[in-house]
Amino acid sequence: MRVKDDPEAIRGRLRACGLAPSGPRMAIYAWLRANPIHPTIDQIFRALRPANPSLSRTTVYNVLHAFVACGLAAVVRTEDGELRYDGRAEPHAHFKCTHCGALHDLGDIPPDVPSQVGLPEGFRADAASVTLWGRCPACAADGTP
């Protein structure tokens, strides 16, 4: 679901995290929230660079790192080691299309998942990640194996 945050809401979220609402931070956060495609750093850079010619990949990397550290974004690690970023930071499941590679948001991950999967005595889970793999509706409909 695309989310279009107004600039004042974005400024407020950035300030609440102790981040100054700079132009690059504002642009990156707004784009990340409005484009829930779980982009890579390079995808964000390519999307924003035309309107922000002074933007660098390093800036995008540093801004995303700060967003993840303060809980404004999350990192999604795919099975091939690729890092993607999610503007929806609360724990939720994903669906990865094995044909086109798209990553889709699913529902929230219940906080009691560790007990549901039989976490052994003495173990402590700090986070949970749930990803389902298969074909998205578009790829399932095209009929290719």
N, C-alpha and C. Protein backbone atom coordinates (compact mmCIF):
# COMPACT_ATOMS: atom_id res chain seq x y z
N MET A 1 0.84 -1.17 0.00
CA MET A 1 0.00 0.00 0.00
C MET A 1 0.89 1.24 0.00
N ARG A 2 0.65 2.11 -0.95
CA ARG A 2 1.41 3.35 -1.04
C ARG A 2 0.94 4.31 0.04
N VAL A 3 1.90 4.99 0.66
CA VAL A 3 1.60 5.97 1.69
C VAL A 3 2.19 7.29 1.25
N LYS A 4 1.35 8.31 1.19
CA LYS A 4 1.86 9.64 0.85
C LYS A 4 1.78 10.48 2.11
N ASP A 5 2.94 10.67 2.75
CA ASP A 5 3.01 11.47 3.96
C ASP A 5 3.17 12.93 3.58
N ASP A 6 2.52 13.81 4.34
CA ASP A 6 2.72 15.23 4.05
C ASP A 6 4.07 15.66 4.62
N PRO A 7 4.66 16.69 4.04
CA PRO A 7 6.01 17.11 4.45
C PRO A 7 6.14 17.41 5.94
N GLU A 8 5.11 17.98 6.55
CA GLU A 8 5.19 18.28 7.99
C GLU A 8 5.25 17.00 8.82
N ALA A 9 4.51 15.98 8.40
CA ALA A 9 4.55 14.70 9.11
C ALA A 9 5.95 14.08 8.99
N ILE A 10 6.54 14.18 7.81
CA ILE A 10 7.89 13.64 7.61
C ILE A 10 8.89 14.40 8.48
N ARG A 11 8.80 15.74 8.48
CA ARG A 11 9.70 16.55 9.33
C ARG A 11 9.57 16.12 10.79
N GLY A 12 8.34 15.92 11.24
CA GLY A 12 8.10 15.51 12.63
C GLY A 12 8.72 14.15 12.94
N ARG A 13 8.58 13.20 12.04
CA ARG A 13 9.17 11.87 12.27
C ARG A 13 10.69 11.94 12.32
N LEU A 14 11.28 12.72 11.41
CA LEU A 14 12.74 12.86 11.40
C LEU A 14 13.22 13.53 12.68
N ARG A 15 12.58 14.61 13.08
CA ARG A 15 12.99 15.30 14.31
C ARG A 15 12.82 14.41 15.54
N ALA A 16 11.76 13.61 15.56
CA ALA A 16 11.53 12.70 16.69
C ALA A 16 12.66 11.68 16.83
N CYS A 17 13.34 11.41 15.72
CA CYS A 17 14.47 10.48 15.73
C CYS A 17 15.80 11.21 15.94
N GLY A 18 15.74 12.52 16.12
CA GLY A 18 16.96 13.28 16.30
C GLY A 18 17.67 13.59 14.99
N LEU A 19 16.95 13.47 13.88
CA LEU A 19 17.53 13.75 12.56
C LEU A 19 17.01 15.08 12.03
N ALA A 20 17.92 15.92 11.57
CA ALA A 20 17.50 17.17 10.95
C ALA A 20 16.78 16.84 9.64
N PRO A 21 15.68 17.53 9.36
CA PRO A 21 14.94 17.24 8.13
C PRO A 21 15.58 17.88 6.89
N SER A 22 16.73 17.36 6.51
CA SER A 22 17.44 17.87 5.33
C SER A 22 16.70 17.48 4.07
N GLY A 23 17.05 18.13 2.97
CA GLY A 23 16.43 17.82 1.68
C GLY A 23 16.56 16.36 1.30
N PRO A 24 17.79 15.79 1.35
CA PRO A 24 17.93 14.37 1.00
C PRO A 24 17.12 13.43 1.91
N ARG A 25 17.13 13.71 3.21
CA ARG A 25 16.36 12.84 4.13
C ARG A 25 14.87 12.92 3.82
N MET A 26 14.39 14.12 3.60
CA MET A 26 12.97 14.30 3.29
C MET A 26 12.62 13.55 2.00
N ALA A 27 13.43 13.72 0.96
CA ALA A 27 13.15 13.09 -0.33
C ALA A 27 13.21 11.57 -0.24
N ILE A 28 14.22 11.05 0.44
CA ILE A 28 14.38 9.60 0.54
C ILE A 28 13.24 8.98 1.34
N TYR A 29 12.88 9.58 2.47
CA TYR A 29 11.80 9.02 3.28
C TYR A 29 10.47 9.09 2.54
N ALA A 30 10.17 10.22 1.91
CA ALA A 30 8.91 10.35 1.18
C ALA A 30 8.84 9.32 0.05
N TRP A 31 9.94 9.15 -0.68
CA TRP A 31 9.94 8.21 -1.80
C TRP A 31 9.81 6.77 -1.29
N LEU A 32 10.51 6.44 -0.22
CA LEU A 32 10.47 5.09 0.34
C LEU A 32 9.05 4.74 0.80
N ARG A 33 8.39 5.68 1.43
CA ARG A 33 7.03 5.43 1.91
C ARG A 33 6.02 5.36 0.75
N ALA A 34 6.25 6.15 -0.29
CA ALA A 34 5.31 6.19 -1.41
C ALA A 34 5.53 5.05 -2.41
N ASN A 35 6.64 4.34 -2.29
CA ASN A 35 6.99 3.27 -3.23
C ASN A 35 7.33 1.99 -2.47
N PRO A 36 6.33 1.27 -2.01
CA PRO A 36 6.57 0.08 -1.18
C PRO A 36 7.04 -1.13 -1.98
N ILE A 37 8.10 -0.93 -2.75
CA ILE A 37 8.62 -2.00 -3.61
C ILE A 37 9.85 -2.67 -3.00
N HIS A 38 10.20 -2.26 -1.76
CA HIS A 38 11.37 -2.80 -1.09
C HIS A 38 12.61 -2.59 -1.96
N PRO A 39 12.92 -1.33 -2.24
CA PRO A 39 14.01 -1.02 -3.17
C PRO A 39 15.40 -1.24 -2.58
N THR A 40 16.35 -1.36 -3.47
CA THR A 40 17.77 -1.37 -3.10
C THR A 40 18.23 0.09 -3.03
N ILE A 41 19.42 0.30 -2.49
CA ILE A 41 20.00 1.64 -2.46
C ILE A 41 20.08 2.19 -3.87
N ASP A 42 20.52 1.37 -4.81
CA ASP A 42 20.67 1.83 -6.18
C ASP A 42 19.34 2.23 -6.81
N GLN A 43 18.28 1.51 -6.53
CA GLN A 43 16.97 1.87 -7.07
C GLN A 43 16.51 3.23 -6.54
N ILE A 44 16.72 3.46 -5.25
CA ILE A 44 16.35 4.75 -4.66
C ILE A 44 17.19 5.86 -5.29
N PHE A 45 18.48 5.62 -5.39
CA PHE A 45 19.38 6.61 -5.98
C PHE A 45 18.94 6.97 -7.41
N ARG A 46 18.69 5.95 -8.23
CA ARG A 46 18.29 6.21 -9.62
C ARG A 46 16.96 6.94 -9.71
N ALA A 47 16.04 6.64 -8.80
CA ALA A 47 14.73 7.29 -8.83
C ALA A 47 14.82 8.76 -8.42
N LEU A 48 15.68 9.07 -7.47
CA LEU A 48 15.73 10.43 -6.93
C LEU A 48 16.77 11.33 -7.58
N ARG A 49 17.75 10.76 -8.22
CA ARG A 49 18.85 11.55 -8.77
C ARG A 49 18.41 12.60 -9.79
N PRO A 50 17.49 12.31 -10.71
CA PRO A 50 17.12 13.33 -11.69
C PRO A 50 16.63 14.64 -11.06
N ALA A 51 15.87 14.55 -9.98
CA ALA A 51 15.37 15.75 -9.30
C ALA A 51 16.34 16.29 -8.26
N ASN A 52 17.37 15.50 -7.94
CA ASN A 52 18.35 15.87 -6.92
C ASN A 52 19.75 15.60 -7.45
N PRO A 53 20.26 16.40 -8.37
CA PRO A 53 21.53 16.11 -9.05
C PRO A 53 22.74 16.00 -8.13
N SER A 54 22.67 16.61 -6.94
CA SER A 54 23.82 16.51 -6.03
C SER A 54 23.76 15.27 -5.14
N LEU A 55 22.70 14.49 -5.24
CA LEU A 55 22.54 13.29 -4.43
C LEU A 55 23.57 12.23 -4.83
N SER A 56 24.17 11.58 -3.84
CA SER A 56 25.13 10.51 -4.12
C SER A 56 24.62 9.20 -3.54
N ARG A 57 25.16 8.10 -4.03
CA ARG A 57 24.82 6.79 -3.47
C ARG A 57 25.22 6.72 -2.00
N THR A 58 26.34 7.33 -1.67
CA THR A 58 26.80 7.33 -0.28
C THR A 58 25.79 8.03 0.62
N THR A 59 25.23 9.13 0.15
CA THR A 59 24.20 9.83 0.93
C THR A 59 22.99 8.94 1.13
N VAL A 60 22.54 8.28 0.07
CA VAL A 60 21.39 7.39 0.19
C VAL A 60 21.70 6.29 1.21
N TYR A 61 22.89 5.70 1.11
CA TYR A 61 23.30 4.65 2.05
C TYR A 61 23.27 5.18 3.49
N ASN A 62 23.90 6.33 3.72
CA ASN A 62 23.98 6.88 5.08
C ASN A 62 22.61 7.26 5.64
N VAL A 63 21.76 7.82 4.79
CA VAL A 63 20.41 8.19 5.23
C VAL A 63 19.62 6.94 5.59
N LEU A 64 19.67 5.91 4.75
CA LEU A 64 18.94 4.68 5.05
C LEU A 64 19.46 4.02 6.31
N HIS A 65 20.78 4.04 6.50
CA HIS A 65 21.38 3.48 7.72
C HIS A 65 20.83 4.21 8.95
N ALA A 66 20.73 5.53 8.89
CA ALA A 66 20.18 6.30 10.00
C ALA A 66 18.70 5.99 10.21
N PHE A 67 17.94 5.84 9.12
CA PHE A 67 16.52 5.51 9.24
C PHE A 67 16.33 4.16 9.92
N VAL A 68 17.12 3.18 9.55
CA VAL A 68 17.01 1.85 10.15
C VAL A 68 17.39 1.93 11.63
N ALA A 69 18.45 2.65 11.95
CA ALA A 69 18.91 2.75 13.33
C ALA A 69 17.86 3.38 14.24
N CYS A 70 17.07 4.30 13.72
CA CYS A 70 16.07 4.95 14.58
C CYS A 70 14.66 4.40 14.39
N GLY A 71 14.50 3.38 13.56
CA GLY A 71 13.20 2.72 13.43
C GLY A 71 12.26 3.32 12.40
N LEU A 72 12.76 4.19 11.52
CA LEU A 72 11.91 4.74 10.46
C LEU A 72 11.82 3.81 9.25
N ALA A 73 12.75 2.90 9.13
CA ALA A 73 12.77 1.95 8.01
C ALA A 73 13.33 0.63 8.51
N ALA A 74 13.19 -0.37 7.70
CA ALA A 74 13.72 -1.70 8.04
C ALA A 74 14.51 -2.24 6.86
N VAL A 75 15.46 -3.10 7.16
CA VAL A 75 16.22 -3.79 6.12
C VAL A 75 15.55 -5.14 5.89
N VAL A 76 15.38 -5.48 4.62
CA VAL A 76 14.88 -6.80 4.26
C VAL A 76 16.02 -7.49 3.51
N ARG A 77 16.50 -8.58 4.07
CA ARG A 77 17.58 -9.34 3.42
C ARG A 77 16.95 -10.48 2.63
N THR A 78 17.22 -10.51 1.34
CA THR A 78 16.66 -11.57 0.52
C THR A 78 17.59 -12.78 0.57
N GLU A 79 17.09 -13.89 0.08
CA GLU A 79 17.86 -15.14 0.16
C GLU A 79 19.15 -15.09 -0.64
N ASP A 80 19.25 -14.17 -1.58
CA ASP A 80 20.49 -14.06 -2.36
C ASP A 80 21.45 -13.02 -1.77
N GLY A 81 21.16 -12.56 -0.55
CA GLY A 81 22.04 -11.63 0.14
C GLY A 81 21.81 -10.17 -0.21
N GLU A 82 20.87 -9.89 -1.08
CA GLU A 82 20.58 -8.52 -1.46
C GLU A 82 19.89 -7.79 -0.30
N LEU A 83 20.26 -6.53 -0.09
CA LEU A 83 19.63 -5.72 0.94
C LEU A 83 18.60 -4.81 0.28
N ARG A 84 17.39 -4.87 0.80
CA ARG A 84 16.33 -4.00 0.33
C ARG A 84 15.81 -3.22 1.54
N TYR A 85 15.15 -2.12 1.28
CA TYR A 85 14.69 -1.25 2.36
C TYR A 85 13.18 -1.11 2.33
N ASP A 86 12.61 -1.01 3.52
CA ASP A 86 11.17 -1.01 3.68
C ASP A 86 10.78 0.19 4.53
N GLY A 87 9.89 1.03 4.02
CA GLY A 87 9.40 2.17 4.77
C GLY A 87 8.39 1.79 5.83
N ARG A 88 8.01 0.54 5.86
CA ARG A 88 7.11 0.02 6.91
C ARG A 88 8.01 -0.74 7.89
N ALA A 89 8.34 -0.10 9.00
CA ALA A 89 9.35 -0.63 9.91
C ALA A 89 8.83 -1.66 10.91
N GLU A 90 7.53 -1.68 11.17
CA GLU A 90 7.02 -2.65 12.15
C GLU A 90 7.14 -4.07 11.57
N PRO A 91 7.34 -5.07 12.43
CA PRO A 91 7.53 -6.44 11.94
C PRO A 91 6.32 -6.94 11.14
N HIS A 92 6.60 -7.37 9.92
CA HIS A 92 5.55 -7.93 9.07
C HIS A 92 6.17 -8.94 8.12
N ALA A 93 5.34 -9.80 7.60
CA ALA A 93 5.80 -10.85 6.70
C ALA A 93 5.88 -10.33 5.27
N HIS A 94 6.60 -11.09 4.43
CA HIS A 94 6.76 -10.75 3.02
C HIS A 94 6.48 -11.95 2.14
N PHE A 95 6.17 -11.67 0.88
CA PHE A 95 6.01 -12.68 -0.14
C PHE A 95 6.96 -12.32 -1.27
N LYS A 96 7.86 -13.26 -1.64
CA LYS A 96 8.82 -13.03 -2.72
C LYS A 96 8.42 -13.87 -3.91
N CYS A 97 8.20 -13.19 -5.04
CA CYS A 97 7.87 -13.91 -6.27
C CYS A 97 9.14 -14.54 -6.83
N THR A 98 9.11 -15.84 -7.00
CA THR A 98 10.28 -16.56 -7.50
C THR A 98 10.47 -16.37 -9.00
N HIS A 99 9.49 -15.77 -9.66
CA HIS A 99 9.60 -15.56 -11.10
C HIS A 99 10.12 -14.15 -11.42
N CYS A 100 9.46 -13.12 -10.90
CA CYS A 100 9.85 -11.74 -11.23
C CYS A 100 10.73 -11.10 -10.16
N GLY A 101 10.79 -11.69 -8.98
CA GLY A 101 11.64 -11.16 -7.92
C GLY A 101 11.00 -10.09 -7.05
N ALA A 102 9.75 -9.72 -7.34
CA ALA A 102 9.08 -8.68 -6.54
C ALA A 102 8.88 -9.16 -5.11
N LEU A 103 8.97 -8.23 -4.18
CA LEU A 103 8.80 -8.51 -2.77
C LEU A 103 7.58 -7.73 -2.29
N HIS A 104 6.58 -8.44 -1.76
CA HIS A 104 5.32 -7.82 -1.36
C HIS A 104 5.13 -7.91 0.14
N ASP A 105 4.52 -6.89 0.74
CA ASP A 105 4.18 -6.91 2.16
C ASP A 105 2.99 -7.81 2.41
N LEU A 106 3.05 -8.52 3.53
CA LEU A 106 1.92 -9.31 4.02
C LEU A 106 1.55 -8.75 5.39
N GLY A 107 0.86 -9.52 6.20
CA GLY A 107 0.41 -9.07 7.50
C GLY A 107 1.50 -9.01 8.55
N ASP A 108 1.10 -8.48 9.70
CA ASP A 108 2.02 -8.35 10.83
C ASP A 108 2.46 -9.72 11.34
N ILE A 109 3.65 -9.75 11.89
CA ILE A 109 4.17 -10.97 12.52
C ILE A 109 3.74 -10.92 13.99
N PRO A 110 2.99 -11.92 14.46
CA PRO A 110 2.56 -11.92 15.87
C PRO A 110 3.77 -11.97 16.80
N PRO A 111 3.70 -11.25 17.92
CA PRO A 111 4.83 -11.22 18.85
C PRO A 111 5.13 -12.58 19.49
N ASP A 112 4.17 -13.50 19.46
CA ASP A 112 4.40 -14.81 20.09
C ASP A 112 4.93 -15.85 19.11
N VAL A 113 5.44 -15.44 17.95
CA VAL A 113 5.98 -16.39 16.97
C VAL A 113 7.05 -17.30 17.59
N PRO A 114 7.98 -16.79 18.39
CA PRO A 114 8.99 -17.71 18.96
C PRO A 114 8.37 -18.88 19.73
N SER A 115 7.32 -18.62 20.49
CA SER A 115 6.70 -19.71 21.23
C SER A 115 5.92 -20.64 20.30
N GLN A 116 5.37 -20.10 19.21
CA GLN A 116 4.60 -20.91 18.27
C GLN A 116 5.49 -21.87 17.48
N VAL A 117 6.73 -21.51 17.26
CA VAL A 117 7.61 -22.39 16.49
C VAL A 117 8.47 -23.28 17.38
N GLY A 118 8.24 -23.22 18.67
CA GLY A 118 8.95 -24.12 19.59
C GLY A 118 10.37 -23.71 19.89
N LEU A 119 10.57 -22.44 20.21
CA LEU A 119 11.90 -21.97 20.58
C LEU A 119 12.35 -22.73 21.82
N PRO A 120 13.50 -23.40 21.76
CA PRO A 120 13.95 -24.20 22.90
C PRO A 120 14.19 -23.37 24.17
N GLU A 121 14.08 -24.03 25.29
CA GLU A 121 14.32 -23.41 26.60
C GLU A 121 15.69 -22.74 26.61
N GLY A 122 15.73 -21.54 27.14
CA GLY A 122 17.00 -20.83 27.25
C GLY A 122 17.33 -19.94 26.06
N PHE A 123 16.67 -20.15 24.95
CA PHE A 123 16.91 -19.31 23.78
C PHE A 123 16.07 -18.04 23.89
N ARG A 124 16.58 -16.94 23.36
CA ARG A 124 15.84 -15.68 23.34
C ARG A 124 15.85 -15.13 21.92
N ALA A 125 14.69 -14.98 21.34
CA ALA A 125 14.59 -14.40 19.99
C ALA A 125 14.51 -12.89 20.11
N ASP A 126 15.34 -12.20 19.34
CA ASP A 126 15.32 -10.74 19.32
C ASP A 126 14.50 -10.19 18.16
N ALA A 127 14.31 -11.01 17.15
CA ALA A 127 13.54 -10.58 15.98
C ALA A 127 13.05 -11.81 15.24
N ALA A 128 12.06 -11.61 14.39
CA ALA A 128 11.55 -12.70 13.56
C ALA A 128 11.37 -12.19 12.13
N SER A 129 11.62 -13.06 11.19
CA SER A 129 11.44 -12.72 9.78
C SER A 129 10.67 -13.85 9.13
N VAL A 130 9.60 -13.50 8.43
CA VAL A 130 8.79 -14.50 7.76
C VAL A 130 8.69 -14.10 6.29
N THR A 131 9.12 -14.99 5.42
CA THR A 131 9.00 -14.77 3.98
C THR A 131 8.42 -16.02 3.34
N LEU A 132 7.42 -15.83 2.53
CA LEU A 132 6.85 -16.91 1.74
C LEU A 132 7.31 -16.72 0.30
N TRP A 133 7.55 -17.80 -0.41
CA TRP A 133 8.00 -17.74 -1.80
C TRP A 133 6.97 -18.42 -2.69
N GLY A 134 6.84 -17.93 -3.88
CA GLY A 134 5.93 -18.50 -4.86
C GLY A 134 5.79 -17.53 -6.01
N ARG A 135 4.63 -17.52 -6.64
CA ARG A 135 4.40 -16.62 -7.78
C ARG A 135 3.34 -15.59 -7.42
N CYS A 136 3.65 -14.35 -7.78
CA CYS A 136 2.66 -13.29 -7.59
C CYS A 136 1.53 -13.50 -8.60
N PRO A 137 0.41 -12.82 -8.45
CA PRO A 137 -0.72 -13.03 -9.37
C PRO A 137 -0.36 -12.81 -10.85
N ALA A 138 0.44 -11.79 -11.14
CA ALA A 138 0.80 -11.52 -12.54
C ALA A 138 1.61 -12.65 -13.12
N CYS A 139 2.58 -13.16 -12.37
CA CYS A 139 3.43 -14.24 -12.88
C CYS A 139 2.68 -15.57 -12.92
N ALA A 140 1.80 -15.81 -11.97
CA ALA A 140 1.01 -17.04 -11.98
C ALA A 140 0.08 -17.06 -13.18
N ALA A 141 -0.43 -15.89 -13.58
CA ALA A 141 -1.37 -15.80 -14.68
C ALA A 141 -0.71 -15.96 -16.05
N ASP A 142 0.60 -15.69 -16.13
CA ASP A 142 1.25 -15.75 -17.45
C ASP A 142 1.50 -17.17 -17.93
N GLY A 143 1.38 -18.14 -17.03
CA GLY A 143 1.45 -19.54 -17.42
C GLY A 143 2.83 -20.12 -17.65
N THR A 144 3.90 -19.34 -17.54
CA THR A 144 5.24 -19.90 -17.73
C THR A 144 5.63 -20.74 -16.54
N PRO A 145 6.34 -21.82 -16.80
CA PRO A 145 6.71 -22.70 -15.69
C PRO A 145 7.76 -22.08 -14.78
